[in-house]
Amino acid sequence: QSFKLLGFLDVKNVPCARESVLYGSLGSLVMGLGHFLATSRVRRSCDVAVGGFICTMLGYWSYCRYNLAQQRIRQRMLKEGMRNRILFEGSYLDPEKEQTGSERSDS
């Protein structure tokens, strides 16, 4: 079953959403508890925890989406390379084919 955060962010189907929420909650706990242990101010610690959640979640979201975009670019390049290898394999355009002396003089 799907879980929607704030009614619009489908955590199950959106890439990086689940990890961002989990790391955000962990960052919230660490920052809020750390601030409370340092100052013993409850209300201010809750404010710090909410700020920590937002900052950690958005930071990890950006990092994860950037890595996902890079991975998709690498996959697209690999797919194109494999398609070109299949297309040019055995032809004179094949970069791995050894050229003989007569073929070198033609080029």
Protein backbone atom coordinates (compact mmCIF):
# COMPACT_ATOMS: atom_id res chain seq x y z
CA GLN A 1 0.00 0.00 0.00
CA SER A 2 1.24 3.45 -0.88
CA PHE A 3 1.97 6.18 1.67
CA LYS A 4 1.50 9.83 0.70
CA LEU A 5 3.41 12.45 2.62
CA LEU A 6 1.51 15.77 2.90
CA GLY A 7 -1.07 14.35 0.51
CA PHE A 8 0.99 14.72 -2.68
CA LEU A 9 4.39 13.01 -2.29
CA ASP A 10 3.89 9.31 -3.02
CA VAL A 11 6.76 7.86 -1.02
CA LYS A 12 6.55 4.39 -2.57
CA ASN A 13 6.62 5.37 -6.25
CA VAL A 14 8.78 8.51 -6.33
CA PRO A 15 12.52 7.75 -6.61
CA CYS A 16 14.56 8.92 -3.60
CA ALA A 17 11.48 9.95 -1.59
CA ARG A 18 11.61 7.09 0.90
CA GLU A 19 15.30 7.51 1.65
CA SER A 20 14.93 11.28 1.93
CA VAL A 21 12.16 10.98 4.51
CA LEU A 22 14.09 8.37 6.50
CA TYR A 23 17.32 10.38 6.54
CA GLY A 24 15.33 13.55 7.30
CA SER A 25 13.71 11.95 10.33
CA LEU A 26 17.09 10.68 11.54
CA GLY A 27 18.62 14.13 11.07
CA SER A 28 15.67 15.65 12.92
CA LEU A 29 16.14 13.31 15.86
CA VAL A 30 19.89 13.89 16.06
CA MET A 31 19.71 17.67 15.78
CA GLY A 32 16.72 18.11 18.11
CA LEU A 33 18.08 15.78 20.76
CA GLY A 34 21.55 17.31 20.49
CA HIS A 35 20.16 20.82 20.89
CA PHE A 36 18.03 19.73 23.85
CA LEU A 37 21.00 18.09 25.59
CA ALA A 38 23.10 21.20 25.01
CA THR A 39 20.54 23.84 26.08
CA SER A 40 17.61 22.07 27.86
CA ARG A 41 15.16 24.29 25.97
CA VAL A 42 12.26 22.16 24.73
CA ARG A 43 10.51 24.58 22.39
CA ARG A 44 13.71 25.71 20.71
CA SER A 45 14.84 22.07 20.36
CA CYS A 46 11.60 21.22 18.56
CA ASP A 47 12.19 24.14 16.19
CA VAL A 48 15.72 22.90 15.54
CA ALA A 49 14.38 19.37 14.95
CA VAL A 50 11.89 20.61 12.34
CA GLY A 51 14.61 22.68 10.65
CA GLY A 52 16.94 19.68 10.74
CA PHE A 53 14.29 17.51 9.13
CA ILE A 54 13.73 19.96 6.29
CA CYS A 55 17.43 20.60 5.67
CA THR A 56 18.43 16.94 5.83
CA MET A 57 15.54 15.81 3.66
CA LEU A 58 16.12 18.44 0.98
CA GLY A 59 19.88 17.89 1.05
CA TYR A 60 19.60 14.14 0.60
CA TRP A 61 16.83 14.58 -1.99
CA SER A 62 19.14 16.78 -4.10
CA TYR A 63 22.07 14.40 -3.70
CA CYS A 64 20.01 11.33 -4.57
CA ARG A 65 18.29 12.91 -7.58
CA TYR A 66 21.65 14.12 -8.93
CA ASN A 67 23.10 10.61 -8.65
CA LEU A 68 19.98 9.15 -10.25
CA ALA A 69 20.29 11.55 -13.19
CA GLN A 70 23.98 10.67 -13.60
CA GLN A 71 23.14 6.96 -13.53
CA ARG A 72 20.45 7.40 -16.18
CA ILE A 73 22.89 9.30 -18.41
CA ARG A 74 25.48 6.50 -18.04
CA GLN A 75 22.81 3.89 -18.83
CA ARG A 76 21.73 5.81 -21.94
CA MET A 77 25.35 6.10 -23.13
CA LEU A 78 25.96 2.38 -22.51
CA LYS A 79 22.77 1.44 -24.34
CA GLU A 80 23.76 3.62 -27.32
CA GLY A 81 27.27 2.10 -27.32
CA MET A 82 25.88 -1.42 -27.30
CA ARG A 83 23.52 -0.54 -30.15
CA ASN A 84 26.42 0.92 -32.18
CA ARG A 85 28.60 -2.11 -31.50
CA ILE A 86 25.91 -4.45 -32.78
CA LEU A 87 25.33 -2.20 -35.78
CA PHE A 88 28.99 -1.76 -36.78
CA GLU A 89 30.37 -5.16 -35.75
CA GLY A 90 32.25 -6.75 -38.62
CA SER A 91 32.10 -3.66 -40.85
CA TYR A 92 34.94 -1.32 -41.78
CA LEU A 93 33.63 1.13 -39.13
CA ASP A 94 34.26 -1.36 -36.30
CA PRO A 95 36.91 0.24 -34.05
CA GLU A 96 38.04 -3.14 -32.71
CA LYS A 97 38.61 -4.68 -36.14
CA GLU A 98 42.28 -4.96 -37.04
CA GLN A 99 43.10 -3.11 -40.23
CA THR A 100 45.41 -4.72 -42.74
CA GLY A 101 48.06 -2.85 -44.68
CA SER A 102 45.87 -2.37 -47.78
CA GLU A 103 43.00 -1.00 -45.70
CA ARG A 104 45.33 1.49 -43.96
CA SER A 105 46.52 2.92 -47.26
CA ASP A 106 42.91 3.47 -48.40
CA SER A 107 42.01 5.54 -45.33
